[in-house]
N, C-alpha and C. Protein backbone atom coordinates (compact mmCIF):
# COMPACT_ATOMS: atom_id res chain seq x y z
N UNK A 1 218.52 249.45 -29.49
CA UNK A 1 218.18 249.61 -28.32
C UNK A 1 218.29 250.89 -27.55
N UNK A 2 219.74 251.51 -27.85
CA UNK A 2 220.18 252.60 -27.22
C UNK A 2 219.09 253.90 -27.55
N UNK A 3 218.61 253.81 -28.76
CA UNK A 3 217.75 254.71 -29.32
C UNK A 3 216.56 255.19 -28.48
N UNK A 4 216.06 253.68 -28.03
CA UNK A 4 214.97 253.98 -27.21
C UNK A 4 215.28 254.45 -25.95
N UNK A 5 216.25 253.94 -25.11
CA UNK A 5 216.61 254.73 -23.97
C UNK A 5 216.78 256.27 -24.10
N UNK A 6 217.69 256.37 -25.38
CA UNK A 6 217.66 258.10 -25.60
C UNK A 6 216.27 258.68 -25.72
N UNK A 7 215.37 258.14 -26.40
CA UNK A 7 213.86 258.72 -26.65
C UNK A 7 213.25 258.65 -25.35
N UNK A 8 213.47 257.60 -24.43
CA UNK A 8 212.73 257.61 -23.22
C UNK A 8 213.37 258.72 -22.35
N UNK A 9 214.54 258.95 -22.36
CA UNK A 9 215.26 259.85 -21.68
C UNK A 9 214.71 261.36 -22.16
N UNK A 10 214.63 261.37 -23.53
CA UNK A 10 214.24 262.59 -23.89
C UNK A 10 212.94 263.26 -23.54
N UNK A 11 211.99 262.06 -23.36
CA UNK A 11 210.63 262.48 -22.98
C UNK A 11 210.65 263.04 -21.73
N UNK A 12 211.47 262.28 -20.48
CA UNK A 12 211.47 262.59 -19.28
C UNK A 12 212.22 264.01 -19.04
N UNK A 13 213.17 264.26 -19.86
CA UNK A 13 213.62 265.50 -19.83
C UNK A 13 212.91 266.78 -20.16
N UNK A 14 212.21 266.63 -21.28
CA UNK A 14 211.39 267.65 -21.81
C UNK A 14 210.13 267.82 -20.61
N UNK A 15 209.56 266.82 -20.17
CA UNK A 15 208.61 266.96 -19.13
C UNK A 15 208.94 267.79 -17.94
N UNK A 16 210.13 267.37 -17.54
CA UNK A 16 210.81 268.28 -16.36
C UNK A 16 211.00 269.57 -16.70
N UNK A 17 211.50 269.86 -17.89
CA UNK A 17 211.89 271.16 -18.31
C UNK A 17 210.70 271.94 -18.56
N UNK A 18 209.61 271.35 -19.13
CA UNK A 18 208.33 272.21 -19.29
C UNK A 18 207.53 272.30 -18.09
N UNK A 19 207.30 271.40 -17.26
CA UNK A 19 206.88 271.46 -16.03
C UNK A 19 205.29 271.71 -16.00
N UNK A 20 204.56 272.07 -16.78
CA UNK A 20 203.06 272.33 -16.85
C UNK A 20 202.48 271.62 -18.07
N UNK A 21 201.30 271.01 -17.51
CA UNK A 21 200.69 270.49 -18.98
C UNK A 21 199.04 270.67 -18.87
N UNK A 22 198.42 270.15 -19.97
CA UNK A 22 196.98 270.19 -19.92
C UNK A 22 196.81 268.36 -19.69
N UNK A 23 196.19 268.29 -18.64
CA UNK A 23 195.59 266.98 -18.29
C UNK A 23 194.20 266.75 -19.12
N UNK A 24 194.07 265.75 -19.83
CA UNK A 24 192.75 265.47 -20.46
C UNK A 24 192.21 264.35 -19.84
N UNK A 25 191.12 264.21 -19.28
CA UNK A 25 190.34 263.22 -18.82
C UNK A 25 188.84 263.17 -19.61
N UNK A 26 188.31 261.92 -19.35
CA UNK A 26 187.10 261.76 -19.83
C UNK A 26 185.88 262.10 -18.92
N UNK A 27 184.88 263.01 -19.41
CA UNK A 27 183.65 263.15 -18.53
C UNK A 27 182.57 262.81 -19.25
N UNK A 28 181.89 261.70 -18.86
CA UNK A 28 180.74 261.00 -19.67
C UNK A 28 181.37 260.68 -21.21
N UNK A 29 180.74 261.36 -22.15
CA UNK A 29 181.17 261.14 -23.57
C UNK A 29 182.12 262.36 -24.06
N UNK A 30 182.40 263.43 -22.96
CA UNK A 30 183.12 264.54 -23.43
C UNK A 30 184.51 264.28 -22.84
N UNK A 31 185.62 264.90 -23.50
CA UNK A 31 186.85 265.07 -23.02
C UNK A 31 187.18 266.41 -22.42
N UNK A 32 187.86 266.52 -21.26
CA UNK A 32 187.92 267.72 -20.61
C UNK A 32 189.43 267.89 -20.37
N UNK A 33 189.97 269.06 -20.67
CA UNK A 33 191.49 269.34 -20.34
C UNK A 33 191.67 270.69 -19.28
N UNK A 34 192.59 270.41 -18.40
CA UNK A 34 192.90 271.66 -17.48
C UNK A 34 194.29 271.66 -17.35
N UNK A 35 194.75 272.76 -17.03
CA UNK A 35 196.29 272.94 -16.83
C UNK A 35 196.56 272.26 -15.43
N UNK A 36 197.82 271.93 -15.30
CA UNK A 36 198.45 271.27 -14.13
C UNK A 36 199.89 271.34 -14.08
N UNK A 37 200.23 271.36 -12.71
CA UNK A 37 201.55 271.31 -12.50
C UNK A 37 202.04 270.07 -12.27
N UNK A 38 202.91 269.53 -13.19
CA UNK A 38 203.49 268.03 -13.06
C UNK A 38 204.86 267.94 -12.24
N UNK A 39 204.81 266.70 -11.33
CA UNK A 39 206.06 266.62 -10.65
C UNK A 39 206.43 265.17 -11.15
N UNK A 40 207.57 265.19 -11.99
CA UNK A 40 207.78 263.66 -12.49
C UNK A 40 208.98 262.98 -11.70
N UNK A 41 208.70 261.68 -11.57
CA UNK A 41 209.53 260.82 -11.05
C UNK A 41 209.85 259.67 -11.81
N UNK A 42 210.94 259.78 -12.76
CA UNK A 42 211.32 258.83 -13.69
C UNK A 42 211.52 257.51 -13.08
N UNK A 43 212.09 257.27 -11.97
CA UNK A 43 212.61 256.19 -11.33
C UNK A 43 211.34 255.33 -10.81
N UNK A 44 210.19 256.06 -10.57
CA UNK A 44 208.93 255.45 -10.33
C UNK A 44 207.93 255.38 -11.53
N UNK A 45 208.58 255.70 -12.72
CA UNK A 45 207.84 255.84 -13.94
C UNK A 45 206.33 256.33 -13.64
N UNK A 46 206.37 257.64 -13.17
CA UNK A 46 205.21 258.04 -12.67
C UNK A 46 205.24 259.89 -12.80
N UNK A 47 204.07 260.40 -12.90
CA UNK A 47 203.98 261.75 -12.83
C UNK A 47 202.82 262.01 -11.73
N UNK A 48 203.17 262.98 -11.16
CA UNK A 48 202.23 263.20 -9.99
C UNK A 48 201.67 264.70 -10.05
N UNK A 49 200.59 264.95 -9.47
CA UNK A 49 199.76 266.27 -9.61
C UNK A 49 198.98 266.44 -8.26
N UNK A 50 199.24 267.48 -7.63
CA UNK A 50 198.36 267.81 -6.58
C UNK A 50 197.09 268.20 -6.80
N UNK A 51 195.91 267.82 -6.27
CA UNK A 51 194.66 268.16 -6.99
C UNK A 51 193.71 268.21 -5.64
N UNK A 52 192.60 268.81 -5.64
CA UNK A 52 191.49 268.77 -4.64
C UNK A 52 190.38 267.91 -4.65
N UNK A 53 190.12 267.27 -3.50
CA UNK A 53 188.90 266.39 -3.37
C UNK A 53 187.74 266.92 -3.97
N UNK A 54 187.55 268.04 -4.02
CA UNK A 54 186.30 268.82 -4.46
C UNK A 54 186.09 268.90 -5.93
N UNK A 55 187.35 268.68 -6.65
CA UNK A 55 187.39 268.62 -8.12
C UNK A 55 186.76 267.39 -8.63
N UNK A 56 186.39 267.53 -10.00
CA UNK A 56 185.58 266.46 -10.77
C UNK A 56 186.67 265.45 -11.19
N UNK A 57 187.91 265.68 -11.14
CA UNK A 57 188.89 264.76 -11.50
C UNK A 57 188.70 263.37 -11.05
N UNK A 58 188.57 263.37 -9.73
CA UNK A 58 188.59 262.01 -8.79
C UNK A 58 187.36 261.17 -9.68
N UNK A 59 186.20 261.63 -9.77
CA UNK A 59 185.11 260.99 -10.23
C UNK A 59 185.31 260.54 -11.77
N UNK A 60 186.11 261.45 -12.40
CA UNK A 60 186.31 261.16 -13.99
C UNK A 60 187.30 259.95 -14.06
N UNK A 61 188.50 260.14 -13.02
CA UNK A 61 189.42 259.04 -13.25
C UNK A 61 188.97 257.79 -12.69
N UNK A 62 187.98 257.66 -11.64
CA UNK A 62 187.46 256.50 -11.10
C UNK A 62 186.95 255.81 -12.14
N UNK A 63 186.08 256.59 -13.11
CA UNK A 63 185.18 255.93 -14.08
C UNK A 63 186.06 255.66 -15.52
N UNK A 64 186.95 256.59 -15.66
CA UNK A 64 187.72 256.22 -16.78
C UNK A 64 189.24 256.67 -16.58
N UNK A 65 190.12 255.70 -16.26
CA UNK A 65 191.39 255.97 -15.76
C UNK A 65 192.37 256.30 -16.75
N UNK A 66 192.19 256.08 -18.03
CA UNK A 66 193.04 256.70 -19.17
C UNK A 66 193.07 257.91 -19.35
N UNK A 67 194.24 258.66 -19.48
CA UNK A 67 194.26 260.08 -19.48
C UNK A 67 195.31 260.47 -20.44
N UNK A 68 195.25 261.54 -20.88
CA UNK A 68 196.59 262.08 -21.84
C UNK A 68 196.97 263.43 -21.26
N UNK A 69 198.48 263.69 -21.04
CA UNK A 69 198.99 264.72 -20.55
C UNK A 69 199.70 265.66 -22.02
N UNK A 70 199.42 266.75 -22.12
CA UNK A 70 199.93 267.44 -23.35
C UNK A 70 200.91 268.49 -22.87
N UNK A 71 202.30 268.49 -22.88
CA UNK A 71 203.08 269.56 -22.29
C UNK A 71 203.54 270.23 -23.92
N UNK A 72 203.82 271.56 -23.52
CA UNK A 72 204.07 272.56 -24.53
C UNK A 72 205.01 273.66 -24.31
N UNK A 73 205.89 273.76 -24.94
CA UNK A 73 206.79 274.70 -24.72
C UNK A 73 206.95 275.51 -26.30
N UNK A 74 205.93 276.35 -26.49
CA UNK A 74 205.79 276.84 -27.73
C UNK A 74 206.87 277.85 -28.29
N UNK A 75 207.49 278.62 -27.55
CA UNK A 75 208.64 279.36 -27.77
C UNK A 75 209.73 278.53 -28.18
N UNK A 76 209.91 277.37 -27.48
CA UNK A 76 211.28 276.65 -27.81
C UNK A 76 210.68 275.48 -28.78
N UNK A 77 209.56 275.44 -29.24
CA UNK A 77 209.09 274.36 -30.21
C UNK A 77 209.29 273.10 -29.85
N UNK A 78 209.00 272.67 -28.40
CA UNK A 78 209.04 271.38 -27.91
C UNK A 78 207.63 271.10 -27.10
N UNK A 79 207.33 269.63 -27.65
CA UNK A 79 206.11 269.30 -27.33
C UNK A 79 206.33 267.71 -26.87
N UNK A 80 205.23 267.37 -25.98
CA UNK A 80 205.10 265.85 -25.41
C UNK A 80 203.66 265.84 -25.28
N UNK A 81 203.44 264.53 -25.46
CA UNK A 81 202.06 263.97 -25.31
C UNK A 81 202.22 262.60 -24.65
N UNK A 82 201.84 262.40 -23.39
CA UNK A 82 201.64 261.23 -22.76
C UNK A 82 200.52 260.55 -22.63
N UNK A 83 200.36 259.32 -22.90
CA UNK A 83 199.06 258.50 -22.50
C UNK A 83 199.33 257.64 -21.37
N UNK A 84 198.39 257.62 -20.44
CA UNK A 84 198.66 256.76 -19.26
C UNK A 84 197.44 256.61 -18.53
N UNK A 85 197.72 255.75 -17.31
CA UNK A 85 196.57 255.42 -16.50
C UNK A 85 196.85 256.20 -15.24
N UNK A 86 195.52 256.86 -14.68
CA UNK A 86 195.49 257.64 -13.57
C UNK A 86 194.76 256.89 -12.45
N UNK A 87 195.23 257.47 -11.24
CA UNK A 87 194.76 257.15 -10.09
C UNK A 87 194.83 258.33 -8.86
N UNK A 88 193.76 258.04 -8.02
CA UNK A 88 193.80 259.06 -6.94
C UNK A 88 194.19 258.67 -5.56
N UNK A 89 195.17 259.23 -5.02
CA UNK A 89 195.83 258.67 -4.04
C UNK A 89 195.61 259.76 -2.71
N UNK A 90 195.68 259.25 -1.46
CA UNK A 90 195.61 260.07 -0.34
C UNK A 90 196.77 259.87 0.66
N UNK A 91 197.84 259.73 -0.04
CA UNK A 91 199.12 259.41 0.67
C UNK A 91 199.63 260.89 1.24
N UNK A 92 199.47 261.23 2.59
CA UNK A 92 199.74 262.41 3.08
C UNK A 92 201.33 262.49 3.19
N UNK A 93 202.30 261.80 3.37
CA UNK A 93 203.67 261.85 3.18
C UNK A 93 204.00 262.30 1.86
N UNK A 94 203.48 261.62 0.73
CA UNK A 94 203.84 262.17 -0.63
C UNK A 94 203.27 263.50 -0.79
N UNK A 95 202.13 263.71 -0.47
CA UNK A 95 201.84 265.37 -0.51
C UNK A 95 202.86 266.16 0.00
N UNK A 96 203.35 265.70 1.32
CA UNK A 96 204.34 266.82 1.76
C UNK A 96 205.58 266.86 0.98
N UNK A 97 205.91 265.72 0.39
CA UNK A 97 206.98 265.63 -0.37
C UNK A 97 206.97 266.39 -1.74
N UNK A 98 205.75 266.43 -2.37
CA UNK A 98 205.40 267.14 -3.55
C UNK A 98 205.21 268.66 -3.32
N UNK A 99 204.88 269.10 -2.19
CA UNK A 99 204.48 270.36 -1.61
C UNK A 99 205.59 271.39 -2.23
N UNK A 100 205.24 272.40 -3.22
CA UNK A 100 205.95 273.50 -3.59
C UNK A 100 205.07 274.56 -3.86
N UNK A 101 205.95 275.61 -4.23
CA UNK A 101 205.31 276.92 -4.34
C UNK A 101 203.96 277.04 -5.36
N UNK A 102 203.86 276.31 -6.39
CA UNK A 102 202.64 276.34 -7.25
C UNK A 102 201.47 275.87 -6.23
N UNK A 103 201.42 275.06 -5.44
CA UNK A 103 200.46 274.36 -4.63
C UNK A 103 199.78 275.58 -3.69
N UNK A 104 200.84 276.54 -3.11
CA UNK A 104 200.40 277.72 -2.28
C UNK A 104 199.51 278.45 -3.04
N UNK A 105 199.14 278.47 -4.21
CA UNK A 105 198.18 279.17 -4.80
C UNK A 105 196.58 278.76 -4.37
N UNK A 106 196.67 277.42 -4.12
CA UNK A 106 195.38 276.66 -4.05
C UNK A 106 195.07 276.25 -2.52
N UNK A 107 196.24 276.03 -1.71
CA UNK A 107 196.18 275.51 -0.27
C UNK A 107 197.08 276.17 0.54
N UNK A 108 196.67 276.39 1.77
CA UNK A 108 197.52 277.18 2.72
C UNK A 108 198.76 276.30 3.21
N UNK A 109 198.81 275.06 3.19
CA UNK A 109 199.84 274.17 3.79
C UNK A 109 199.46 272.66 3.17
N UNK A 110 200.41 271.67 3.29
CA UNK A 110 200.34 270.40 2.90
C UNK A 110 199.57 269.67 3.96
N UNK A 111 199.08 270.37 4.84
CA UNK A 111 198.44 269.40 5.74
C UNK A 111 196.82 269.72 5.61
N UNK A 112 196.48 270.46 4.56
CA UNK A 112 195.05 270.65 4.17
C UNK A 112 194.55 269.24 3.77
N UNK A 113 193.39 268.89 4.34
CA UNK A 113 192.77 267.58 4.11
C UNK A 113 192.07 267.40 2.93
N UNK A 114 191.93 268.41 2.11
CA UNK A 114 191.18 268.33 0.86
C UNK A 114 192.38 267.87 -0.32
N UNK A 115 193.51 267.87 -0.03
CA UNK A 115 194.68 267.79 -0.98
C UNK A 115 194.73 266.42 -1.15
N UNK A 116 194.77 265.83 -2.53
CA UNK A 116 194.83 264.45 -3.07
C UNK A 116 195.93 264.60 -4.26
N UNK A 117 196.32 263.32 -4.36
CA UNK A 117 197.58 263.09 -5.21
C UNK A 117 196.95 262.35 -6.62
N UNK A 118 197.06 262.97 -7.78
CA UNK A 118 196.63 262.33 -8.93
C UNK A 118 198.19 261.75 -9.66
N UNK A 119 197.97 260.50 -9.68
CA UNK A 119 199.13 259.73 -10.07
C UNK A 119 198.98 259.23 -11.56
N UNK A 120 199.75 259.53 -12.60
CA UNK A 120 199.73 259.11 -13.75
C UNK A 120 200.84 258.15 -13.89
N UNK A 121 200.68 256.97 -14.39
CA UNK A 121 201.51 255.99 -14.84
C UNK A 121 201.68 255.88 -16.36
N UNK A 122 202.76 256.61 -16.95
CA UNK A 122 202.66 256.72 -18.61
C UNK A 122 202.82 255.15 -19.15
N UNK A 123 202.15 255.14 -20.26
CA UNK A 123 202.17 253.72 -21.07
C UNK A 123 202.75 254.15 -22.30
N UNK A 124 202.83 255.30 -22.94
CA UNK A 124 203.44 255.80 -24.10
C UNK A 124 203.58 257.19 -24.12
N UNK A 125 204.23 257.72 -25.19
CA UNK A 125 204.57 259.13 -25.28
C UNK A 125 204.96 259.31 -26.64
N UNK A 126 204.86 260.69 -27.05
CA UNK A 126 205.27 261.18 -28.34
C UNK A 126 206.05 262.62 -28.02
N UNK A 127 207.07 262.75 -28.56
CA UNK A 127 207.67 264.06 -28.47
C UNK A 127 208.11 264.76 -29.82
N UNK A 128 208.15 265.95 -29.72
CA UNK A 128 208.50 266.91 -30.97
C UNK A 128 209.61 267.92 -30.41
N UNK A 129 210.76 267.79 -30.87
CA UNK A 129 211.76 268.64 -30.43
C UNK A 129 212.44 269.31 -31.51
N UNK A 130 211.95 270.46 -31.73
CA UNK A 130 212.30 271.55 -32.95
C UNK A 130 213.50 272.29 -32.52
N UNK A 131 214.50 272.74 -33.55
CA UNK A 131 215.40 273.63 -33.28
C UNK A 131 215.20 274.89 -32.63
N UNK A 132 213.83 275.39 -32.73
CA UNK A 132 213.48 276.69 -32.32
C UNK A 132 212.66 277.53 -33.51
N UNK A 133 211.76 278.46 -33.03
CA UNK A 133 210.99 279.17 -33.73
C UNK A 133 211.55 279.85 -35.21
N UNK A 134 212.62 280.55 -35.33
CA UNK A 134 213.31 281.16 -36.16
C UNK A 134 213.85 280.11 -37.01
N UNK A 135 214.54 279.18 -36.52
CA UNK A 135 215.18 278.07 -37.48
C UNK A 135 214.10 277.31 -38.03
N UNK A 136 212.97 277.01 -37.45
CA UNK A 136 211.99 276.25 -38.02
C UNK A 136 211.31 276.93 -39.21
N UNK A 137 211.03 278.37 -38.94
CA UNK A 137 210.46 279.29 -40.11
C UNK A 137 211.38 279.19 -41.29
N UNK A 138 212.80 279.24 -41.09
CA UNK A 138 213.72 279.25 -42.33
C UNK A 138 213.51 277.93 -43.13
N UNK A 139 213.52 277.04 -42.11
CA UNK A 139 213.52 275.51 -43.03
C UNK A 139 212.28 275.34 -43.72
N UNK A 140 210.97 275.79 -43.06
CA UNK A 140 209.66 275.72 -43.92
C UNK A 140 209.95 276.75 -44.83
N UNK A 141 210.40 277.65 -44.88
CA UNK A 141 210.48 278.59 -46.23
C UNK A 141 211.33 278.01 -47.18
N UNK A 142 212.52 277.57 -46.86
CA UNK A 142 213.33 276.72 -47.72
C UNK A 142 212.72 275.57 -48.38
N UNK A 143 212.06 274.85 -47.52
CA UNK A 143 211.29 273.54 -48.05
C UNK A 143 210.29 274.06 -49.03
N UNK A 144 209.49 275.11 -48.88
CA UNK A 144 208.44 275.64 -49.57
C UNK A 144 209.05 275.89 -50.94
N UNK A 145 209.95 276.62 -51.02
CA UNK A 145 210.80 277.14 -52.38
C UNK A 145 211.22 275.79 -53.07
N UNK A 146 211.80 274.89 -52.42
CA UNK A 146 212.54 273.86 -53.10
C UNK A 146 211.61 272.37 -53.09
N UNK A 147 210.29 272.57 -52.74
CA UNK A 147 209.46 271.45 -52.89
C UNK A 147 209.85 270.16 -52.03
N UNK A 148 210.61 270.43 -51.00
CA UNK A 148 211.36 269.32 -50.21
C UNK A 148 210.69 269.28 -48.72
N UNK A 149 210.70 268.50 -48.05
CA UNK A 149 210.08 268.35 -46.75
C UNK A 149 211.25 268.97 -45.86
N UNK A 150 210.78 269.86 -44.87
CA UNK A 150 211.74 270.38 -44.04
C UNK A 150 212.14 269.47 -42.93
N UNK A 151 213.42 269.39 -42.27
CA UNK A 151 213.75 268.72 -41.22
C UNK A 151 213.54 269.51 -40.02
N UNK A 152 212.46 269.16 -39.30
CA UNK A 152 211.91 270.06 -38.20
C UNK A 152 212.39 269.63 -36.73
N UNK A 153 213.30 268.80 -36.97
CA UNK A 153 213.90 268.35 -35.63
C UNK A 153 213.67 266.91 -35.25
N UNK A 154 213.77 266.39 -34.09
CA UNK A 154 213.33 265.21 -33.56
C UNK A 154 211.84 264.92 -33.25
N UNK A 155 211.37 263.64 -33.75
CA UNK A 155 210.13 263.08 -33.31
C UNK A 155 210.19 261.76 -33.12
N UNK A 156 209.50 261.33 -31.99
CA UNK A 156 209.66 259.82 -31.76
C UNK A 156 208.34 259.33 -30.85
N UNK A 157 208.02 258.27 -31.10
CA UNK A 157 207.00 257.49 -30.30
C UNK A 157 207.60 256.57 -29.51
N UNK A 158 207.52 256.54 -28.23
CA UNK A 158 208.09 255.91 -27.01
C UNK A 158 207.36 255.30 -26.17
N UNK A 159 207.44 254.06 -25.91
CA UNK A 159 206.82 253.11 -25.04
C UNK A 159 207.49 253.15 -23.66
N UNK A 160 206.63 253.61 -22.71
CA UNK A 160 207.22 254.03 -21.32
C UNK A 160 207.04 252.73 -20.41
């Protein structure tokens, strides 16, 4: 049971450290991904994003609430994929709580009436945490010579 708690903690730590992800929604029969700045709230088992009412995410989430969040730190060789259920909220107090520097690129202030919250409640996740690019390359080269599989770090599937 302790390893499950550790894996869950690892997911939240990686998400917080990486901060940005590709949010994938379903648009008709197509999948659509776009970069988003994530605000993680482990105590609430939720990830929040500020979005604009004029974007198409609202409609996509209303029709198909299942989404995927893909976090990547390619330099550090750390990755997280989270599956969950999304919903759009118009909670003005929460918008003010989440307001931070990245939002200033899109809106003048948190009182902008076009700002919405996209809340994702994760159901499962998978992470890959490698020791880093150089060490990974060395391990892959050694494994290729020895015909053994390289130990590329930690990987776990986690129920959230």
